[in-house]
């Protein structure tokens, strides 16, 4: 069961002017489920994205990078679930392009105006006949208010759809930021087996959108990990439809730019944390904060060493305060000049270790009390600087093994 996560209320998801969404049941892998999603974007929209750092990236990732680099502007997005179209070579590229061609023809666009995305099983042939046959139904379904249906339409092993929405006032005009994401396993930093689509109707200088999506990713999807695997298909896209009527945002560090930046990051963080809360087999949501580092990078390095440790994650699942595992992870994080005699460790309000050793007032029953909670904060203070970083993860349960063992059956 997901950890303190509920399905989004469709009425809470504000439509974004200039963005229409439609879904269809194409039977890509399973019958009677939404598995093809189409976005139609208003002329003049700006789209930017960040993608997996896995060198064995999927065909749609390669094509998205190519189409975005061409600088024509994007007018449509097509997403299929059930098949990743990864590990499929030249045939996979041809099939992804065929889907782009089919959607472009039906919307009166060029192939380069379409961005394709896929998620699902790797090394299986993309069933383009089914996907293309489903496009007319998705196009007929195009509506501004279809965010909740789209959140369902991009799911794979997710147990719940993931969506978030915010509105802010910029220059006297209401600006909307709404997004959806999918992901539950094969999740680690540098993106993951996740797809994220965030849209805003803010009027913003097009050159700023890439910087904004990168910053949003670094504060959200690049701060989560479930199992330490980096996928072939992970993609995070930011759409700016330019329809809100606010004065053009020309700098992200301006007052208006900061309002938009905060809204985009807030939506992205809510989506990223929802992925962790719905992690495969997860029973606990864990925030890991590292303080007192010399740089944010070394703080993240320590936090991920803790978050990736199977021994730490299984201890959390068992509610076992075997907390030496956390200190061991700090020690092998790769900081060569780390002074273990300075390190403090906390579980929520419980001071576990002081100056590198067990705190004299620490009692195991106090640690166990915290470990039994559904939401836990681990805090490590390195006492070597003034920087900090937080990542979010979950525990590792029996169900994680079961879900992944049975995934293709």
Protein backbone atom coordinates (compact mmCIF):
# COMPACT_ATOMS: atom_id res chain seq x y z
CA UNK A 1 0.00 0.00 0.00
CA UNK A 2 1.29 3.51 -0.75
CA UNK A 3 2.51 5.52 2.23
CA UNK A 4 0.06 8.34 3.03
CA UNK A 5 -0.78 8.83 -0.63
CA UNK A 6 -4.26 9.13 -2.12
CA UNK A 7 -5.44 9.42 -5.69
CA UNK A 8 -5.72 13.03 -6.84
CA UNK A 9 -9.12 14.67 -6.94
CA UNK A 10 -9.72 15.66 -10.59
CA UNK A 11 -11.39 18.89 -9.43
CA UNK A 12 -8.14 19.95 -7.72
CA UNK A 13 -6.17 19.74 -10.96
CA UNK A 14 -6.43 23.11 -12.67
CA UNK A 15 -6.54 23.03 -16.48
CA UNK A 16 -3.64 24.81 -18.17
CA UNK A 17 -4.69 27.16 -20.96
CA UNK A 18 -3.23 25.97 -24.25
CA UNK A 19 -2.88 22.33 -23.18
CA UNK A 20 -5.41 19.63 -24.13
CA UNK A 21 -5.09 15.97 -23.13
CA UNK A 22 -6.80 12.81 -24.35
CA UNK A 23 -6.42 9.15 -23.47
CA UNK A 24 -7.35 5.84 -25.07
CA UNK A 25 -7.40 2.13 -24.31
CA UNK A 26 -5.26 0.66 -27.07
CA UNK A 27 -4.38 -2.72 -25.52
CA UNK A 28 -0.65 -2.08 -25.72
CA UNK A 29 0.01 -4.73 -23.09
CA UNK A 30 -3.23 -5.24 -21.18
CA UNK A 31 -6.85 -4.82 -22.20
CA UNK A 32 -9.32 -2.35 -20.71
CA UNK A 33 -6.86 0.15 -19.34
CA UNK A 34 -5.78 3.62 -20.43
CA UNK A 35 -2.39 3.17 -22.09
CA UNK A 36 -2.10 5.86 -24.79
CA UNK A 37 -2.08 9.55 -23.89
CA UNK A 38 -1.90 12.53 -26.26
CA UNK A 39 -1.14 16.16 -25.39
CA UNK A 40 -1.99 18.88 -27.92
CA UNK A 41 -0.20 22.18 -27.30
CA UNK A 42 -1.15 25.64 -28.48
CA UNK A 43 0.96 27.28 -31.19
CA UNK A 44 3.82 29.20 -29.65
CA UNK A 45 4.24 26.82 -26.71
CA UNK A 46 7.76 26.25 -25.40
CA UNK A 47 8.83 22.75 -24.33
CA UNK A 48 12.05 21.71 -22.59
CA UNK A 49 13.11 18.48 -20.95
CA UNK A 50 15.72 16.52 -19.08
CA UNK A 51 16.30 12.84 -19.70
CA UNK A 52 17.97 9.74 -18.34
CA UNK A 53 21.75 9.61 -18.04
CA UNK A 54 21.64 5.90 -18.85
CA UNK A 55 23.74 5.48 -22.01
CA UNK A 56 21.44 2.64 -23.09
CA UNK A 57 18.54 5.04 -23.46
CA UNK A 58 15.28 4.13 -25.16
CA UNK A 59 14.30 5.04 -28.71
CA UNK A 60 11.76 7.69 -27.66
CA UNK A 61 14.37 9.42 -25.49
CA UNK A 62 16.72 9.62 -28.48
CA UNK A 63 13.97 11.04 -30.68
CA UNK A 64 12.81 13.56 -28.07
CA UNK A 65 16.34 14.89 -27.72
CA UNK A 66 16.63 15.17 -31.50
CA UNK A 67 13.29 16.93 -31.94
CA UNK A 68 13.90 19.38 -29.10
CA UNK A 69 17.39 20.17 -30.39
CA UNK A 70 15.94 21.03 -33.80
CA UNK A 71 14.32 24.08 -32.21
CA UNK A 72 11.10 23.96 -34.25
CA UNK A 73 8.86 24.08 -31.20
CA UNK A 74 6.73 21.18 -30.00
CA UNK A 75 3.00 20.93 -30.63
CA UNK A 76 2.12 17.43 -29.43
CA UNK A 77 3.20 14.68 -27.05
CA UNK A 78 2.29 11.00 -27.30
CA UNK A 79 2.84 8.57 -24.43
CA UNK A 80 2.35 4.83 -24.32
CA UNK A 81 2.62 2.57 -21.33
CA UNK A 82 3.13 -1.20 -21.33
CA UNK A 83 6.20 -1.16 -23.58
CA UNK A 84 9.40 0.85 -23.07
CA UNK A 85 10.69 0.57 -26.66
CA UNK A 86 14.17 0.28 -25.15
CA UNK A 87 16.82 -2.20 -26.19
CA UNK A 88 15.11 -2.38 -29.58
CA UNK A 89 17.80 -0.93 -31.85
CA UNK A 90 17.08 0.61 -35.24
CA UNK A 91 13.67 -1.06 -35.38
CA UNK A 92 12.65 0.70 -32.17
CA UNK A 93 13.65 4.08 -33.61
CA UNK A 94 11.66 3.37 -36.78
CA UNK A 95 8.60 2.38 -34.78
CA UNK A 96 8.75 5.44 -32.53
CA UNK A 97 9.06 7.64 -35.62
CA UNK A 98 6.08 5.89 -37.17
CA UNK A 99 3.96 6.80 -34.14
CA UNK A 100 5.13 10.42 -34.46
CA UNK A 101 4.25 10.38 -38.15
CA UNK A 102 0.78 9.01 -37.46
CA UNK A 103 -0.04 11.57 -34.78
CA UNK A 104 1.44 14.41 -36.82
CA UNK A 105 -0.69 13.47 -39.82
CA UNK A 106 -3.88 13.43 -37.74
CA UNK A 107 -3.12 16.79 -36.09
CA UNK A 108 -1.78 18.52 -39.21
CA UNK A 109 1.77 18.75 -37.89
CA UNK A 110 5.25 17.65 -38.92
CA UNK A 111 6.96 14.66 -37.32
CA UNK A 112 9.48 16.95 -35.59
CA UNK A 113 6.60 18.73 -33.83
CA UNK A 114 5.78 15.52 -31.89
CA UNK A 115 7.59 14.23 -28.80
CA UNK A 116 7.18 10.47 -28.11
CA UNK A 117 7.45 8.80 -24.70
CA UNK A 118 7.22 5.13 -23.73
CA UNK A 119 7.33 3.22 -20.46
CA UNK A 120 7.03 -0.46 -19.62
CA UNK A 121 8.92 -3.63 -20.40
CA UNK A 122 12.38 -3.35 -22.00
CA UNK A 123 13.54 -5.32 -25.09
CA UNK A 124 10.08 -5.97 -26.50
CA UNK A 125 8.90 -4.78 -29.90
CA UNK A 126 6.68 -1.70 -29.73
CA UNK A 127 3.18 -2.70 -31.00
CA UNK A 128 2.70 0.35 -33.18
CA UNK A 129 -0.41 -1.01 -34.91
CA UNK A 130 -2.27 -0.94 -31.59
CA UNK A 131 -0.88 2.45 -30.59
CA UNK A 132 -1.67 4.07 -33.93
CA UNK A 133 -5.15 2.52 -33.92
CA UNK A 134 -5.72 4.13 -30.50
CA UNK A 135 -4.71 7.65 -31.57
CA UNK A 136 -8.10 8.71 -33.03
CA UNK A 137 -9.87 7.91 -29.76
CA UNK A 138 -7.26 9.85 -27.79
CA UNK A 139 -7.60 12.82 -30.14
CA UNK A 140 -11.40 12.75 -29.87
CA UNK A 141 -10.98 12.78 -26.09
CA UNK A 142 -8.77 15.92 -26.06
CA UNK A 143 -9.91 18.23 -23.24
CA UNK A 144 -8.13 20.78 -21.00
CA UNK A 145 -9.45 19.07 -17.85
CA UNK A 146 -8.17 15.54 -18.55
CA UNK A 147 -5.17 15.66 -16.20
CA UNK A 148 -6.50 12.96 -13.85
CA UNK A 149 -7.19 10.55 -16.72
CA UNK A 150 -3.72 11.22 -18.10
CA UNK A 151 -2.18 10.41 -14.72
CA UNK A 152 -3.88 7.01 -14.94
CA UNK A 153 -2.91 6.58 -18.58
CA UNK A 154 0.85 6.69 -17.94
CA UNK A 155 0.97 4.24 -15.00
CA UNK A 156 2.85 0.92 -15.04
CA UNK A 157 3.47 -0.72 -11.65
CA UNK A 158 2.11 2.36 -9.87
CA UNK A 159 -0.78 1.59 -7.54
CA UNK A 160 -2.14 5.15 -7.70
CA UNK A 161 -2.04 7.99 -10.23
CA UNK A 162 0.16 10.96 -9.34
CA UNK A 163 -0.79 14.57 -10.06
CA UNK A 164 -0.37 18.01 -8.51
CA UNK A 165 -1.48 21.56 -9.24
CA UNK A 166 -0.77 25.11 -8.06
CA UNK A 167 -1.94 28.61 -8.99
CA UNK A 168 -0.12 31.89 -8.35
CA UNK A 169 -0.76 35.50 -9.27
CA UNK A 170 1.85 37.08 -11.53
CA UNK A 171 1.39 40.58 -12.86
CA UNK A 172 -2.24 40.55 -11.80
CA UNK A 173 -3.00 37.38 -13.79
CA UNK A 174 -3.65 33.87 -12.49
CA UNK A 175 -0.89 31.51 -13.58
CA UNK A 176 -1.43 27.76 -13.38
CA UNK A 177 1.10 24.96 -12.93
CA UNK A 178 -0.23 21.40 -13.20
CA UNK A 179 1.63 18.13 -13.63
CA UNK A 180 1.50 14.36 -13.63
CA UNK A 181 4.13 11.67 -13.13
CA UNK A 182 4.50 7.93 -13.05
CA UNK A 183 7.04 5.69 -11.37
CA UNK A 184 7.28 3.13 -8.59
CA UNK A 185 10.43 1.09 -9.18
CA UNK A 186 13.77 1.27 -11.00
CA UNK A 187 14.08 4.67 -9.35
CA UNK A 188 17.30 6.46 -8.49
CA UNK A 189 18.84 9.90 -9.09
CA UNK A 190 19.77 11.08 -12.56
CA UNK A 191 16.10 10.47 -13.25
CA UNK A 192 14.51 7.05 -13.12
CA UNK A 193 11.95 4.78 -14.77
CA UNK A 194 9.66 7.68 -14.47
CA UNK A 195 7.84 10.08 -16.69
CA UNK A 196 6.94 13.56 -15.56
CA UNK A 197 4.96 16.19 -17.43
CA UNK A 198 4.47 19.64 -15.89
CA UNK A 199 2.72 22.45 -17.74
CA UNK A 200 2.23 26.13 -17.04
CA UNK A 201 0.39 28.81 -18.94
CA UNK A 202 2.87 31.46 -17.76
CA UNK A 203 4.30 33.81 -20.36
CA UNK A 204 8.03 33.29 -20.04
CA UNK A 205 11.03 33.97 -22.23
CA UNK A 206 11.51 30.65 -24.12
CA UNK A 207 15.23 30.59 -23.39
CA UNK A 208 14.48 30.30 -19.64
CA UNK A 209 12.37 27.15 -19.83
CA UNK A 210 15.31 24.73 -20.12
CA UNK A 211 17.00 26.28 -17.08
CA UNK A 212 13.74 26.06 -15.14
CA UNK A 213 13.12 22.39 -15.94
CA UNK A 214 16.70 21.54 -14.98
CA UNK A 215 16.43 23.36 -11.68
CA UNK A 216 13.05 21.77 -10.93
CA UNK A 217 14.47 18.31 -11.66
CA UNK A 218 17.47 18.92 -9.41
CA UNK A 219 15.15 19.88 -6.53
CA UNK A 220 12.72 16.99 -7.02
CA UNK A 221 13.14 13.99 -9.30
CA UNK A 222 16.91 14.01 -8.83
CA UNK A 223 16.42 13.82 -5.06
CA UNK A 224 14.59 10.49 -4.91
CA UNK A 225 15.64 6.87 -4.90
CA UNK A 226 13.78 3.62 -4.41
CA UNK A 227 16.14 0.86 -5.50
CA UNK A 228 19.24 2.49 -7.00
CA UNK A 229 18.51 1.52 -10.61
CA UNK A 230 18.68 4.16 -13.35
CA UNK A 231 16.20 3.43 -16.12
CA UNK A 232 16.44 3.71 -19.89
CA UNK A 233 13.33 5.88 -20.36
CA UNK A 234 13.18 8.50 -17.64
CA UNK A 235 12.03 11.88 -18.88
CA UNK A 236 10.82 15.10 -17.29
CA UNK A 237 9.24 17.73 -19.50
CA UNK A 238 8.15 21.29 -18.78
CA UNK A 239 5.59 22.90 -21.08
CA UNK A 240 5.04 26.68 -21.14
CA UNK A 241 1.96 27.42 -23.23
CA UNK A 242 2.44 31.22 -22.97
CA UNK A 243 -1.33 31.76 -22.56
CA UNK A 244 -1.78 33.37 -19.11
CA UNK A 245 -1.43 36.98 -20.23
CA UNK A 246 1.06 37.97 -17.54
CA UNK A 247 3.96 40.31 -18.36
CA UNK A 248 6.71 38.23 -19.94
CA UNK A 249 9.07 36.73 -17.36
CA UNK A 250 12.56 37.60 -18.54
CA UNK A 251 14.61 36.39 -15.57
CA UNK A 252 14.08 33.55 -13.09
CA UNK A 253 15.66 35.62 -10.31
CA UNK A 254 13.10 38.44 -10.78
CA UNK A 255 10.10 38.71 -8.44
CA UNK A 256 7.77 37.21 -11.06
CA UNK A 257 10.33 34.60 -12.06
CA UNK A 258 10.71 33.52 -8.45
CA UNK A 259 6.94 33.08 -8.07
CA UNK A 260 6.84 30.79 -11.10
CA UNK A 261 10.01 28.97 -10.07
CA UNK A 262 8.59 28.22 -6.61
CA UNK A 263 5.32 26.91 -8.08
CA UNK A 264 7.05 24.66 -10.62
CA UNK A 265 9.42 23.26 -8.00
CA UNK A 266 6.57 22.71 -5.53
CA UNK A 267 4.55 20.72 -8.08
CA UNK A 268 7.65 18.76 -9.11
CA UNK A 269 8.53 17.91 -5.50
CA UNK A 270 4.99 16.76 -4.77
CA UNK A 271 5.12 14.46 -7.79
CA UNK A 272 8.59 13.16 -6.92
CA UNK A 273 7.61 12.42 -3.34
CA UNK A 274 4.45 10.68 -4.57
CA UNK A 275 6.68 8.32 -6.56
CA UNK A 276 8.56 7.39 -3.38
CA UNK A 277 5.34 7.04 -1.37
CA UNK A 278 4.14 4.60 -4.03
CA UNK A 279 7.46 2.78 -4.30
CA UNK A 280 7.13 -0.89 -5.13
CA UNK A 281 6.34 -2.64 -1.87
CA UNK A 282 7.03 0.49 0.19
CA UNK A 283 5.66 0.68 3.72
CA UNK A 284 7.60 3.76 4.91
CA UNK A 285 8.50 7.18 3.51
CA UNK A 286 11.95 8.33 4.64
CA UNK A 287 13.53 11.76 4.36
CA UNK A 288 17.30 11.77 4.71
CA UNK A 289 18.84 15.15 5.49
CA UNK A 290 22.58 15.69 5.71
CA UNK A 291 23.74 18.91 7.36
CA UNK A 292 27.16 20.38 7.97
CA UNK A 293 28.78 19.51 4.66
CA UNK A 294 31.36 21.55 2.80
CA UNK A 295 29.23 21.39 -0.36
CA UNK A 296 25.75 20.34 -1.38
CA UNK A 297 27.34 17.67 -3.54
CA UNK A 298 29.01 15.89 -0.64
CA UNK A 299 25.81 16.16 1.40
CA UNK A 300 23.89 14.45 -1.42
CA UNK A 301 26.69 11.89 -1.69
CA UNK A 302 26.24 10.89 1.94
CA UNK A 303 22.45 10.99 1.76
CA UNK A 304 22.38 8.66 -1.25
CA UNK A 305 24.83 6.25 0.36
CA UNK A 306 22.31 5.86 3.18
CA UNK A 307 19.27 5.80 0.90
CA UNK A 308 20.73 3.16 -1.45
CA UNK A 309 21.86 0.75 1.27
CA UNK A 310 19.80 -2.48 1.21
CA UNK A 311 20.83 -3.08 4.82
CA UNK A 312 19.51 0.31 5.91
CA UNK A 313 16.31 -0.06 3.88
CA UNK A 314 15.52 -3.56 5.18
CA UNK A 315 16.15 -2.39 8.76
CA UNK A 316 13.53 0.31 8.24
CA UNK A 317 11.09 -2.26 6.87
CA UNK A 318 11.61 -4.41 9.96
CA UNK A 319 11.39 -1.39 12.32
CA UNK A 320 14.76 -2.57 13.61
CA UNK A 321 16.92 0.25 15.03
CA UNK A 322 20.11 -1.37 13.76
CA UNK A 323 21.45 2.13 13.24
CA UNK A 324 25.10 1.25 12.92
CA UNK A 325 24.16 0.50 9.32
CA UNK A 326 23.51 4.21 8.77
CA UNK A 327 26.88 5.20 10.22
CA UNK A 328 28.56 2.58 8.05
CA UNK A 329 26.91 4.07 4.96
CA UNK A 330 28.13 7.54 5.95
CA UNK A 331 31.63 6.12 6.24
CA UNK A 332 31.71 4.52 2.79
CA UNK A 333 30.07 7.46 1.01
CA UNK A 334 33.45 8.46 -0.37
CA UNK A 335 34.50 11.53 1.62
CA UNK A 336 38.17 10.76 2.15
CA UNK A 337 38.86 13.32 4.86
CA UNK A 338 35.67 12.73 6.85
CA UNK A 339 36.22 12.96 10.62
CA UNK A 340 34.01 10.32 12.21
CA UNK A 341 34.58 11.94 15.60
CA UNK A 342 32.39 14.88 14.59
CA UNK A 343 29.32 13.05 13.29
CA UNK A 344 25.88 13.30 14.92
CA UNK A 345 22.92 11.10 13.94
CA UNK A 346 19.24 11.71 14.68
CA UNK A 347 16.04 9.77 14.04
CA UNK A 348 13.32 12.43 14.15
CA UNK A 349 13.69 13.84 17.68
CA UNK A 350 15.93 11.03 18.96
CA UNK A 351 19.65 11.84 19.22
CA UNK A 352 21.22 8.47 18.39
CA UNK A 353 24.92 9.21 17.95
CA UNK A 354 27.06 12.12 19.16
CA UNK A 355 30.65 12.84 18.17
CA UNK A 356 30.83 9.57 16.25
CA UNK A 357 29.65 7.31 19.08
CA UNK A 358 26.43 6.22 20.71
CA UNK A 359 24.75 9.08 22.57
CA UNK A 360 24.82 8.27 26.31
CA UNK A 361 21.09 8.99 26.63
CA UNK A 362 20.04 6.94 23.60
CA UNK A 363 17.75 3.98 24.30
CA UNK A 364 16.90 1.37 21.69
CA UNK A 365 13.21 1.59 22.53
CA UNK A 366 13.31 5.26 21.49
CA UNK A 367 14.81 4.32 18.15
CA UNK A 368 12.26 1.57 17.67
CA UNK A 369 9.41 3.98 18.42
CA UNK A 370 10.52 6.15 15.51
CA UNK A 371 11.25 3.21 13.21
CA UNK A 372 7.66 2.01 13.56
CA UNK A 373 6.31 5.24 12.07
CA UNK A 374 5.12 5.42 8.48
CA UNK A 375 7.13 8.62 7.94
CA UNK A 376 10.65 9.04 9.30
CA UNK A 377 13.36 11.68 9.07
CA UNK A 378 17.01 10.65 9.33
CA UNK A 379 19.36 13.55 9.98
CA UNK A 380 23.15 13.37 9.86
CA UNK A 381 25.33 16.32 10.82
CA UNK A 382 28.86 16.10 9.46
CA UNK A 383 30.05 19.24 11.31
CA UNK A 384 32.48 20.20 8.53
CA UNK A 385 30.67 23.07 6.80
CA UNK A 386 27.34 24.88 6.42
CA UNK A 387 25.75 23.18 3.41
CA UNK A 388 22.91 20.67 3.47
CA UNK A 389 20.83 18.45 1.19
CA UNK A 390 17.76 16.22 1.49
CA UNK A 391 16.75 13.13 -0.48
CA UNK A 392 13.65 10.98 -0.17
CA UNK A 393 13.48 7.21 -0.21
CA UNK A 394 11.46 4.27 1.11
CA UNK A 395 12.08 0.95 2.77
CA UNK A 396 12.73 -2.35 0.98
CA UNK A 397 10.13 -5.03 1.64
CA UNK A 398 9.30 -8.60 0.64
CA UNK A 399 6.72 -7.19 -1.76
CA UNK A 400 9.40 -5.36 -3.75
CA UNK A 401 10.95 -8.71 -4.66
CA UNK A 402 7.55 -10.21 -5.48
CA UNK A 403 6.47 -7.30 -7.69
CA UNK A 404 9.67 -7.36 -9.72
CA UNK A 405 9.83 -11.14 -9.92
CA UNK A 406 6.29 -11.24 -11.33
CA UNK A 407 6.48 -8.05 -13.42
CA UNK A 408 6.41 -9.70 -16.85
CA UNK A 409 3.93 -12.44 -15.99
